[in-house]
All heavy atoms as atom14 arrays in JSON, in Angstrom:
{
  "sequence": "MLAQKPVKMVEHAVKGMLPKGPLGRVMFRRLKVYAGPQHPHAAQK",
  "atom14_mask": [
    [1, 1, 1, 1, 1, 1, 1, 1, 0, 0, 0, 0, 0, 0],
    [1, 1, 1, 1, 1, 1, 1, 1, 0, 0, 0, 0, 0, 0],
    [1, 1, 1, 1, 1, 0, 0, 0, 0, 0, 0, 0, 0, 0],
    [1, 1, 1, 1, 1, 1, 1, 1, 1, 0, 0, 0, 0, 0],
    [1, 1, 1, 1, 1, 1, 1, 1, 1, 0, 0, 0, 0, 0],
    [1, 1, 1, 1, 1, 1, 1, 0, 0, 0, 0, 0, 0, 0],
    [1, 1, 1, 1, 1, 1, 1, 0, 0, 0, 0, 0, 0, 0],
    [1, 1, 1, 1, 1, 1, 1, 1, 1, 0, 0, 0, 0, 0],
    [1, 1, 1, 1, 1, 1, 1, 1, 0, 0, 0, 0, 0, 0],
    [1, 1, 1, 1, 1, 1, 1, 0, 0, 0, 0, 0, 0, 0],
    [1, 1, 1, 1, 1, 1, 1, 1, 1, 0, 0, 0, 0, 0],
    [1, 1, 1, 1, 1, 1, 1, 1, 1, 1, 0, 0, 0, 0],
    [1, 1, 1, 1, 1, 0, 0, 0, 0, 0, 0, 0, 0, 0],
    [1, 1, 1, 1, 1, 1, 1, 0, 0, 0, 0, 0, 0, 0],
    [1, 1, 1, 1, 1, 1, 1, 1, 1, 0, 0, 0, 0, 0],
    [1, 1, 1, 1, 0, 0, 0, 0, 0, 0, 0, 0, 0, 0],
    [1, 1, 1, 1, 1, 1, 1, 1, 0, 0, 0, 0, 0, 0],
    [1, 1, 1, 1, 1, 1, 1, 1, 0, 0, 0, 0, 0, 0],
    [1, 1, 1, 1, 1, 1, 1, 0, 0, 0, 0, 0, 0, 0],
    [1, 1, 1, 1, 1, 1, 1, 1, 1, 0, 0, 0, 0, 0],
    [1, 1, 1, 1, 0, 0, 0, 0, 0, 0, 0, 0, 0, 0],
    [1, 1, 1, 1, 1, 1, 1, 0, 0, 0, 0, 0, 0, 0],
    [1, 1, 1, 1, 1, 1, 1, 1, 0, 0, 0, 0, 0, 0],
    [1, 1, 1, 1, 0, 0, 0, 0, 0, 0, 0, 0, 0, 0],
    [1, 1, 1, 1, 1, 1, 1, 1, 1, 1, 1, 0, 0, 0],
    [1, 1, 1, 1, 1, 1, 1, 0, 0, 0, 0, 0, 0, 0],
    [1, 1, 1, 1, 1, 1, 1, 1, 0, 0, 0, 0, 0, 0],
    [1, 1, 1, 1, 1, 1, 1, 1, 1, 1, 1, 0, 0, 0],
    [1, 1, 1, 1, 1, 1, 1, 1, 1, 1, 1, 0, 0, 0],
    [1, 1, 1, 1, 1, 1, 1, 1, 1, 1, 1, 0, 0, 0],
    [1, 1, 1, 1, 1, 1, 1, 1, 0, 0, 0, 0, 0, 0],
    [1, 1, 1, 1, 1, 1, 1, 1, 1, 0, 0, 0, 0, 0],
    [1, 1, 1, 1, 1, 1, 1, 0, 0, 0, 0, 0, 0, 0],
    [1, 1, 1, 1, 1, 1, 1, 1, 1, 1, 1, 1, 0, 0],
    [1, 1, 1, 1, 1, 0, 0, 0, 0, 0, 0, 0, 0, 0],
    [1, 1, 1, 1, 0, 0, 0, 0, 0, 0, 0, 0, 0, 0],
    [1, 1, 1, 1, 1, 1, 1, 0, 0, 0, 0, 0, 0, 0],
    [1, 1, 1, 1, 1, 1, 1, 1, 1, 0, 0, 0, 0, 0],
    [1, 1, 1, 1, 1, 1, 1, 1, 1, 1, 0, 0, 0, 0],
    [1, 1, 1, 1, 1, 1, 1, 0, 0, 0, 0, 0, 0, 0],
    [1, 1, 1, 1, 1, 1, 1, 1, 1, 1, 0, 0, 0, 0],
    [1, 1, 1, 1, 1, 0, 0, 0, 0, 0, 0, 0, 0, 0],
    [1, 1, 1, 1, 1, 0, 0, 0, 0, 0, 0, 0, 0, 0],
    [1, 1, 1, 1, 1, 1, 1, 1, 1, 0, 0, 0, 0, 0],
    [1, 1, 1, 1, 1, 1, 1, 1, 1, 0, 0, 0, 0, 0]
  ],
  "atom14_positions": [
    [[3.65, -19.09, -9.62], [3.5, -17.63, -9.72], [4.57, -16.93, -8.88], [5.15, -15.93, -9.31], [2.11, -17.23, -9.24], [1.79, -15.79, -9.44], [1.25, -15.48, -11.09], [0.17, -14.12, -10.82], [0.0, 0.0, 0.0], [0.0, 0.0, 0.0], [0.0, 0.0, 0.0], [0.0, 0.0, 0.0], [0.0, 0.0, 0.0], [0.0, 0.0, 0.0]],
    [[4.84, -17.45, -7.69], [5.85, -16.86, -6.82], [7.24, -16.97, -7.44], [8.04, -16.05, -7.34], [5.83, -17.52, -5.44], [6.79, -16.97, -4.4], [6.51, -15.5, -4.14], [6.69, -17.76, -3.11], [0.0, 0.0, 0.0], [0.0, 0.0, 0.0], [0.0, 0.0, 0.0], [0.0, 0.0, 0.0], [0.0, 0.0, 0.0], [0.0, 0.0, 0.0]],
    [[7.51, -18.07, -8.11], [8.81, -18.28, -8.73], [8.98, -17.43, -9.99], [10.07, -16.9, -10.25], [9.01, -19.75, -9.06], [0.0, 0.0, 0.0], [0.0, 0.0, 0.0], [0.0, 0.0, 0.0], [0.0, 0.0, 0.0], [0.0, 0.0, 0.0], [0.0, 0.0, 0.0], [0.0, 0.0, 0.0], [0.0, 0.0, 0.0], [0.0, 0.0, 0.0]],
    [[7.91, -17.29, -10.79], [8.03, -16.62, -12.09], [7.66, -15.14, -12.04], [8.33, -14.32, -12.67], [7.15, -17.32, -13.12], [7.63, -18.71, -13.47], [6.72, -19.41, -14.46], [5.66, -18.9, -14.81], [7.12, -20.59, -14.89], [0.0, 0.0, 0.0], [0.0, 0.0, 0.0], [0.0, 0.0, 0.0], [0.0, 0.0, 0.0], [0.0, 0.0, 0.0]],
    [[6.58, -14.79, -11.35], [6.08, -13.42, -11.35], [5.71, -12.96, -9.93], [4.53, -12.75, -9.63], [4.85, -13.3, -12.24], [5.1, -13.67, -13.68], [3.82, -13.59, -14.47], [4.06, -14.01, -15.9], [2.83, -14.03, -16.68], [0.0, 0.0, 0.0], [0.0, 0.0, 0.0], [0.0, 0.0, 0.0], [0.0, 0.0, 0.0], [0.0, 0.0, 0.0]],
    [[6.7, -12.8, -9.05], [6.36, -12.4, -7.68], [5.76, -10.99, -7.6], [4.95, -10.72, -6.72], [7.71, -12.47, -6.95], [8.74, -12.35, -8.01], [8.14, -12.96, -9.24], [0.0, 0.0, 0.0], [0.0, 0.0, 0.0], [0.0, 0.0, 0.0], [0.0, 0.0, 0.0], [0.0, 0.0, 0.0], [0.0, 0.0, 0.0], [0.0, 0.0, 0.0]],
    [[6.14, -10.11, -8.53], [5.6, -8.75, -8.52], [4.11, -8.78, -8.8], [3.31, -8.13, -8.12], [6.35, -7.88, -9.56], [5.68, -6.53, -9.72], [7.81, -7.71, -9.16], [0.0, 0.0, 0.0], [0.0, 0.0, 0.0], [0.0, 0.0, 0.0], [0.0, 0.0, 0.0], [0.0, 0.0, 0.0], [0.0, 0.0, 0.0], [0.0, 0.0, 0.0]],
    [[3.69, -9.56, -9.8], [2.26, -9.69, -10.14], [1.48, -10.28, -8.97], [0.32, -9.91, -8.74], [2.08, -10.58, -11.37], [2.57, -9.96, -12.63], [1.42, -9.38, -13.37], [1.91, -8.91, -14.73], [0.99, -8.0, -15.34], [0.0, 0.0, 0.0], [0.0, 0.0, 0.0], [0.0, 0.0, 0.0], [0.0, 0.0, 0.0], [0.0, 0.0, 0.0]],
    [[2.1, -11.19, -8.24], [1.43, -11.85, -7.11], [1.11, -10.83, -6.01], [-0.01, -10.8, -5.5], [2.33, -12.95, -6.58], [1.69, -13.89, -5.64], [2.84, -15.24, -5.37], [1.97, -16.11, -4.12], [0.0, 0.0, 0.0], [0.0, 0.0, 0.0], [0.0, 0.0, 0.0], [0.0, 0.0, 0.0], [0.0, 0.0, 0.0], [0.0, 0.0, 0.0]],
    [[2.08, -9.98, -5.68], [1.87, -8.97, -4.65], [0.85, -7.94, -5.14], [-0.06, -7.55, -4.4], [3.2, -8.3, -4.26], [2.97, -7.13, -3.33], [4.14, -9.31, -3.62], [0.0, 0.0, 0.0], [0.0, 0.0, 0.0], [0.0, 0.0, 0.0], [0.0, 0.0, 0.0], [0.0, 0.0, 0.0], [0.0, 0.0, 0.0], [0.0, 0.0, 0.0]],
    [[0.97, -7.51, -6.4], [0.03, -6.53, -6.94], [-1.39, -7.07, -6.95], [-2.34, -6.35, -6.64], [0.45, -6.14, -8.37], [1.67, -5.26, -8.41], [2.13, -4.96, -9.82], [1.64, -5.61, -10.78], [2.99, -4.07, -9.98], [0.0, 0.0, 0.0], [0.0, 0.0, 0.0], [0.0, 0.0, 0.0], [0.0, 0.0, 0.0], [0.0, 0.0, 0.0]],
    [[-1.55, -8.34, -7.3], [-2.88, -8.97, -7.33], [-3.5, -8.99, -5.94], [-4.7, -8.71, -5.77], [-2.75, -10.39, -7.88], [-4.05, -11.1, -8.05], [-4.62, -11.83, -7.03], [-4.89, -11.21, -9.09], [-5.76, -12.36, -7.46], [-5.94, -11.99, -8.71], [0.0, 0.0, 0.0], [0.0, 0.0, 0.0], [0.0, 0.0, 0.0], [0.0, 0.0, 0.0]],
    [[-2.69, -9.31, -4.92], [-3.2, -9.37, -3.55], [-3.62, -7.98, -3.06], [-4.66, -7.83, -2.42], [-2.13, -9.95, -2.63], [0.0, 0.0, 0.0], [0.0, 0.0, 0.0], [0.0, 0.0, 0.0], [0.0, 0.0, 0.0], [0.0, 0.0, 0.0], [0.0, 0.0, 0.0], [0.0, 0.0, 0.0], [0.0, 0.0, 0.0], [0.0, 0.0, 0.0]],
    [[-2.83, -6.97, -3.39], [-3.14, -5.61, -2.93], [-4.34, -5.06, -3.68], [-5.23, -4.43, -3.09], [-1.91, -4.68, -3.11], [-2.28, -3.24, -2.8], [-0.78, -5.13, -2.21], [0.0, 0.0, 0.0], [0.0, 0.0, 0.0], [0.0, 0.0, 0.0], [0.0, 0.0, 0.0], [0.0, 0.0, 0.0], [0.0, 0.0, 0.0], [0.0, 0.0, 0.0]],
    [[-4.4, -5.29, -4.99], [-5.49, -4.75, -5.81], [-6.85, -5.25, -5.33], [-7.84, -4.51, -5.36], [-5.28, -5.12, -7.27], [-6.15, -4.34, -8.22], [-5.73, -4.59, -9.65], [-6.39, -3.6, -10.57], [-5.94, -3.74, -11.94], [0.0, 0.0, 0.0], [0.0, 0.0, 0.0], [0.0, 0.0, 0.0], [0.0, 0.0, 0.0], [0.0, 0.0, 0.0]],
    [[-6.91, -6.49, -4.87], [-8.16, -7.03, -4.37], [-8.63, -6.39, -3.08], [-9.79, -6.5, -2.71], [0.0, 0.0, 0.0], [0.0, 0.0, 0.0], [0.0, 0.0, 0.0], [0.0, 0.0, 0.0], [0.0, 0.0, 0.0], [0.0, 0.0, 0.0], [0.0, 0.0, 0.0], [0.0, 0.0, 0.0], [0.0, 0.0, 0.0], [0.0, 0.0, 0.0]],
    [[-7.72, -5.72, -2.36], [-8.06, -5.09, -1.09], [-8.36, -3.6, -1.22], [-8.71, -2.96, -0.23], [-6.91, -5.28, -0.1], [-6.66, -6.72, 0.24], [-5.32, -6.88, 1.41], [-5.19, -8.65, 1.5], [0.0, 0.0, 0.0], [0.0, 0.0, 0.0], [0.0, 0.0, 0.0], [0.0, 0.0, 0.0], [0.0, 0.0, 0.0], [0.0, 0.0, 0.0]],
    [[-8.22, -3.05, -2.42], [-8.49, -1.64, -2.65], [-9.92, -1.45, -3.16], [-10.53, -2.4, -3.67], [-7.51, -1.07, -3.66], [-6.06, -0.96, -3.2], [-5.18, -0.48, -4.34], [-5.93, -0.04, -2.01], [0.0, 0.0, 0.0], [0.0, 0.0, 0.0], [0.0, 0.0, 0.0], [0.0, 0.0, 0.0], [0.0, 0.0, 0.0], [0.0, 0.0, 0.0]],
    [[-10.47, -0.23, -3.06], [-11.81, 0.01, -3.58], [-11.85, -0.2, -5.09], [-10.86, 0.02, -5.78], [-12.08, 1.48, -3.26], [-11.03, 1.91, -2.32], [-9.91, 0.96, -2.41], [0.0, 0.0, 0.0], [0.0, 0.0, 0.0], [0.0, 0.0, 0.0], [0.0, 0.0, 0.0], [0.0, 0.0, 0.0], [0.0, 0.0, 0.0], [0.0, 0.0, 0.0]],
    [[-12.98, -0.65, -5.59], [-13.15, -0.84, -7.02], [-13.6, 0.48, -7.63], [-14.32, 1.24, -7.01], [-14.19, -1.92, -7.33], [-14.01, -3.27, -6.63], [-12.59, -3.71, -6.51], [-12.48, -5.05, -5.8], [-11.73, -4.98, -4.56], [0.0, 0.0, 0.0], [0.0, 0.0, 0.0], [0.0, 0.0, 0.0], [0.0, 0.0, 0.0], [0.0, 0.0, 0.0]],
    [[-13.17, 0.78, -8.84], [-13.58, 2.01, -9.52], [-12.43, 2.97, -9.7], [-11.26, 2.64, -9.45], [0.0, 0.0, 0.0], [0.0, 0.0, 0.0], [0.0, 0.0, 0.0], [0.0, 0.0, 0.0], [0.0, 0.0, 0.0], [0.0, 0.0, 0.0], [0.0, 0.0, 0.0], [0.0, 0.0, 0.0], [0.0, 0.0, 0.0], [0.0, 0.0, 0.0]],
    [[-12.74, 4.2, -10.11], [-11.7, 5.18, -10.41], [-10.8, 5.52, -9.21], [-9.6, 5.69, -9.38], [-12.47, 6.42, -10.84], [-13.81, 5.94, -11.24], [-14.07, 4.71, -10.44], [0.0, 0.0, 0.0], [0.0, 0.0, 0.0], [0.0, 0.0, 0.0], [0.0, 0.0, 0.0], [0.0, 0.0, 0.0], [0.0, 0.0, 0.0], [0.0, 0.0, 0.0]],
    [[-11.36, 5.59, -8.01], [-10.57, 5.91, -6.83], [-9.55, 4.81, -6.53], [-8.39, 5.08, -6.23], [-11.49, 6.13, -5.63], [-10.8, 6.53, -4.33], [-10.13, 7.88, -4.48], [-11.79, 6.56, -3.19], [0.0, 0.0, 0.0], [0.0, 0.0, 0.0], [0.0, 0.0, 0.0], [0.0, 0.0, 0.0], [0.0, 0.0, 0.0], [0.0, 0.0, 0.0]],
    [[-9.98, 3.55, -6.65], [-9.07, 2.43, -6.42], [-7.95, 2.39, -7.45], [-6.81, 2.04, -7.12], [0.0, 0.0, 0.0], [0.0, 0.0, 0.0], [0.0, 0.0, 0.0], [0.0, 0.0, 0.0], [0.0, 0.0, 0.0], [0.0, 0.0, 0.0], [0.0, 0.0, 0.0], [0.0, 0.0, 0.0], [0.0, 0.0, 0.0], [0.0, 0.0, 0.0]],
    [[-8.24, 2.78, -8.68], [-7.21, 2.8, -9.72], [-6.17, 3.89, -9.45], [-4.98, 3.68, -9.69], [-7.84, 2.96, -11.09], [-8.59, 1.71, -11.53], [-9.01, 1.77, -12.98], [-10.09, 2.7, -13.23], [-11.4, 2.42, -13.12], [-11.79, 1.23, -12.73], [-12.31, 3.34, -13.39], [0.0, 0.0, 0.0], [0.0, 0.0, 0.0], [0.0, 0.0, 0.0]],
    [[-6.61, 5.02, -8.92], [-5.67, 6.08, -8.55], [-4.76, 5.58, -7.43], [-3.54, 5.8, -7.45], [-6.43, 7.36, -8.11], [-5.49, 8.35, -7.45], [-7.12, 7.98, -9.29], [0.0, 0.0, 0.0], [0.0, 0.0, 0.0], [0.0, 0.0, 0.0], [0.0, 0.0, 0.0], [0.0, 0.0, 0.0], [0.0, 0.0, 0.0], [0.0, 0.0, 0.0]],
    [[-5.33, 4.9, -6.44], [-4.54, 4.38, -5.33], [-3.56, 3.32, -5.82], [-2.4, 3.29, -5.38], [-5.47, 3.78, -4.27], [-6.31, 4.79, -3.55], [-7.47, 3.95, -2.47], [-8.41, 5.33, -1.86], [0.0, 0.0, 0.0], [0.0, 0.0, 0.0], [0.0, 0.0, 0.0], [0.0, 0.0, 0.0], [0.0, 0.0, 0.0], [0.0, 0.0, 0.0]],
    [[-4.01, 2.45, -6.72], [-3.16, 1.35, -7.19], [-1.96, 1.87, -7.99], [-0.88, 1.28, -7.96], [-3.98, 0.38, -8.05], [-3.22, -0.84, -8.46], [-2.87, -1.8, -7.53], [-2.83, -1.03, -9.77], [-2.16, -2.93, -7.89], [-2.12, -2.15, -10.15], [-1.79, -3.1, -9.21], [0.0, 0.0, 0.0], [0.0, 0.0, 0.0], [0.0, 0.0, 0.0]],
    [[-2.13, 3.0, -8.67], [-1.01, 3.57, -9.43], [0.11, 4.06, -8.52], [1.24, 4.26, -8.97], [-1.49, 4.72, -10.31], [-2.14, 4.26, -11.58], [-2.28, 5.39, -12.57], [-3.24, 6.4, -12.14], [-4.52, 6.43, -12.49], [-5.01, 5.48, -13.27], [-5.31, 7.39, -12.06], [0.0, 0.0, 0.0], [0.0, 0.0, 0.0], [0.0, 0.0, 0.0]],
    [[-0.18, 4.26, -7.25], [0.84, 4.71, -6.29], [1.65, 3.55, -5.71], [2.5, 3.77, -4.85], [0.17, 5.48, -5.15], [-0.44, 6.78, -5.61], [-1.07, 7.51, -4.46], [-1.58, 8.81, -4.9], [-2.23, 9.63, -4.12], [-2.46, 9.32, -2.86], [-2.66, 10.78, -4.59], [0.0, 0.0, 0.0], [0.0, 0.0, 0.0], [0.0, 0.0, 0.0]],
    [[1.38, 2.33, -6.15], [2.1, 1.16, -5.66], [3.22, 0.81, -6.62], [3.0, 0.68, -7.83], [1.13, -0.03, -5.53], [1.75, -1.38, -5.16], [2.37, -1.32, -3.77], [0.71, -2.48, -5.24], [0.0, 0.0, 0.0], [0.0, 0.0, 0.0], [0.0, 0.0, 0.0], [0.0, 0.0, 0.0], [0.0, 0.0, 0.0], [0.0, 0.0, 0.0]],
    [[4.43, 0.66, -6.1], [5.6, 0.27, -6.88], [6.19, -0.98, -6.23], [6.62, -0.94, -5.08], [6.67, 1.37, -6.89], [6.15, 2.77, -7.13], [5.6, 2.97, -8.51], [5.12, 4.4, -8.67], [4.26, 4.59, -9.8], [0.0, 0.0, 0.0], [0.0, 0.0, 0.0], [0.0, 0.0, 0.0], [0.0, 0.0, 0.0], [0.0, 0.0, 0.0]],
    [[6.2, -2.1, -6.97], [6.67, -3.37, -6.42], [7.9, -3.82, -7.2], [7.91, -3.78, -8.44], [5.57, -4.45, -6.5], [6.04, -5.75, -5.85], [4.29, -3.98, -5.84], [0.0, 0.0, 0.0], [0.0, 0.0, 0.0], [0.0, 0.0, 0.0], [0.0, 0.0, 0.0], [0.0, 0.0, 0.0], [0.0, 0.0, 0.0], [0.0, 0.0, 0.0]],
    [[8.92, -4.29, -6.48], [10.16, -4.77, -7.09], [10.53, -6.11, -6.49], [10.41, -6.33, -5.27], [11.29, -3.76, -6.88], [10.96, -2.42, -7.51], [10.43, -1.38, -6.74], [11.1, -2.22, -8.86], [10.09, -0.18, -7.32], [10.77, -1.01, -9.46], [10.26, 0.0, -8.68], [9.9, 1.18, -9.26], [0.0, 0.0, 0.0], [0.0, 0.0, 0.0]],
    [[11.02, -7.02, -7.34], [11.35, -8.38, -6.9], [12.59, -8.39, -6.01], [12.66, -9.16, -5.06], [11.55, -9.28, -8.11], [0.0, 0.0, 0.0], [0.0, 0.0, 0.0], [0.0, 0.0, 0.0], [0.0, 0.0, 0.0], [0.0, 0.0, 0.0], [0.0, 0.0, 0.0], [0.0, 0.0, 0.0], [0.0, 0.0, 0.0], [0.0, 0.0, 0.0]],
    [[13.56, -7.57, -6.3], [14.81, -7.57, -5.54], [14.87, -6.44, -4.53], [13.91, -5.7, -4.33], [0.0, 0.0, 0.0], [0.0, 0.0, 0.0], [0.0, 0.0, 0.0], [0.0, 0.0, 0.0], [0.0, 0.0, 0.0], [0.0, 0.0, 0.0], [0.0, 0.0, 0.0], [0.0, 0.0, 0.0], [0.0, 0.0, 0.0], [0.0, 0.0, 0.0]],
    [[16.06, -6.27, -3.91], [16.21, -5.22, -2.89], [16.46, -3.83, -3.46], [16.44, -2.85, -2.72], [17.42, -5.7, -2.08], [18.2, -6.51, -3.03], [17.22, -7.15, -3.96], [0.0, 0.0, 0.0], [0.0, 0.0, 0.0], [0.0, 0.0, 0.0], [0.0, 0.0, 0.0], [0.0, 0.0, 0.0], [0.0, 0.0, 0.0], [0.0, 0.0, 0.0]],
    [[16.7, -3.7, -4.77], [16.99, -2.41, -5.38], [15.7, -1.76, -5.9], [14.82, -2.46, -6.4], [17.97, -2.58, -6.55], [19.28, -3.25, -6.15], [20.06, -2.43, -5.14], [20.04, -1.21, -5.17], [20.73, -3.12, -4.22], [0.0, 0.0, 0.0], [0.0, 0.0, 0.0], [0.0, 0.0, 0.0], [0.0, 0.0, 0.0], [0.0, 0.0, 0.0]],
    [[15.62, -0.43, -5.79], [14.49, 0.31, -6.35], [14.98, 1.69, -6.8], [15.93, 2.23, -6.23], [13.35, 0.44, -5.33], [13.69, 1.26, -4.14], [13.54, 2.63, -4.1], [14.22, 0.92, -2.93], [13.93, 3.08, -2.92], [14.35, 2.07, -2.2], [0.0, 0.0, 0.0], [0.0, 0.0, 0.0], [0.0, 0.0, 0.0], [0.0, 0.0, 0.0]],
    [[14.33, 2.28, -7.82], [14.79, 3.57, -8.35], [14.15, 4.79, -7.68], [14.14, 5.86, -8.27], [14.37, 3.49, -9.82], [13.15, 2.67, -9.8], [13.35, 1.66, -8.71], [0.0, 0.0, 0.0], [0.0, 0.0, 0.0], [0.0, 0.0, 0.0], [0.0, 0.0, 0.0], [0.0, 0.0, 0.0], [0.0, 0.0, 0.0], [0.0, 0.0, 0.0]],
    [[13.62, 4.64, -6.47], [12.91, 5.74, -5.82], [13.66, 6.31, -4.62], [13.04, 6.82, -3.69], [11.52, 5.26, -5.39], [10.71, 4.71, -6.5], [10.15, 5.5, -7.47], [10.42, 3.44, -6.83], [9.51, 4.74, -8.34], [9.66, 3.49, -7.98], [0.0, 0.0, 0.0], [0.0, 0.0, 0.0], [0.0, 0.0, 0.0], [0.0, 0.0, 0.0]],
    [[14.98, 6.24, -4.66], [15.78, 6.76, -3.53], [15.65, 8.28, -3.42], [15.73, 8.83, -2.31], [17.24, 6.37, -3.7], [0.0, 0.0, 0.0], [0.0, 0.0, 0.0], [0.0, 0.0, 0.0], [0.0, 0.0, 0.0], [0.0, 0.0, 0.0], [0.0, 0.0, 0.0], [0.0, 0.0, 0.0], [0.0, 0.0, 0.0], [0.0, 0.0, 0.0]],
    [[15.43, 8.97, -4.53], [15.32, 10.42, -4.5], [14.08, 10.89, -3.74], [14.06, 12.01, -3.21], [15.28, 10.98, -5.92], [0.0, 0.0, 0.0], [0.0, 0.0, 0.0], [0.0, 0.0, 0.0], [0.0, 0.0, 0.0], [0.0, 0.0, 0.0], [0.0, 0.0, 0.0], [0.0, 0.0, 0.0], [0.0, 0.0, 0.0], [0.0, 0.0, 0.0]],
    [[13.05, 10.06, -3.67], [11.84, 10.43, -2.94], [12.0, 10.25, -1.43], [11.12, 10.62, -0.67], [10.64, 9.59, -3.42], [10.07, 10.05, -4.73], [10.94, 9.67, -5.93], [11.72, 8.75, -5.86], [10.79, 10.41, -7.01], [0.0, 0.0, 0.0], [0.0, 0.0, 0.0], [0.0, 0.0, 0.0], [0.0, 0.0, 0.0], [0.0, 0.0, 0.0]],
    [[13.09, 9.66, -0.99], [13.39, 9.41, 0.43], [12.24, 8.71, 1.14], [11.62, 9.25, 2.06], [13.73, 10.72, 1.13], [14.95, 11.38, 0.56], [15.24, 12.68, 1.25], [16.44, 13.32, 0.58], [16.5, 14.75, 0.76], [0.0, 0.0, 0.0], [0.0, 0.0, 0.0], [0.0, 0.0, 0.0], [0.0, 0.0, 0.0], [0.0, 0.0, 0.0]]
  ]
}
């Protein structure tokens, strides 16, 4: 999993630590995970 889908691995670990239900889904949508050092959120500083 770490070799093929590291993003899914991190998301799975975080999702299990968030509240279950609509509130947890809102929180999870605020998570952006990238395998490499580049990300498209530089404008948000």
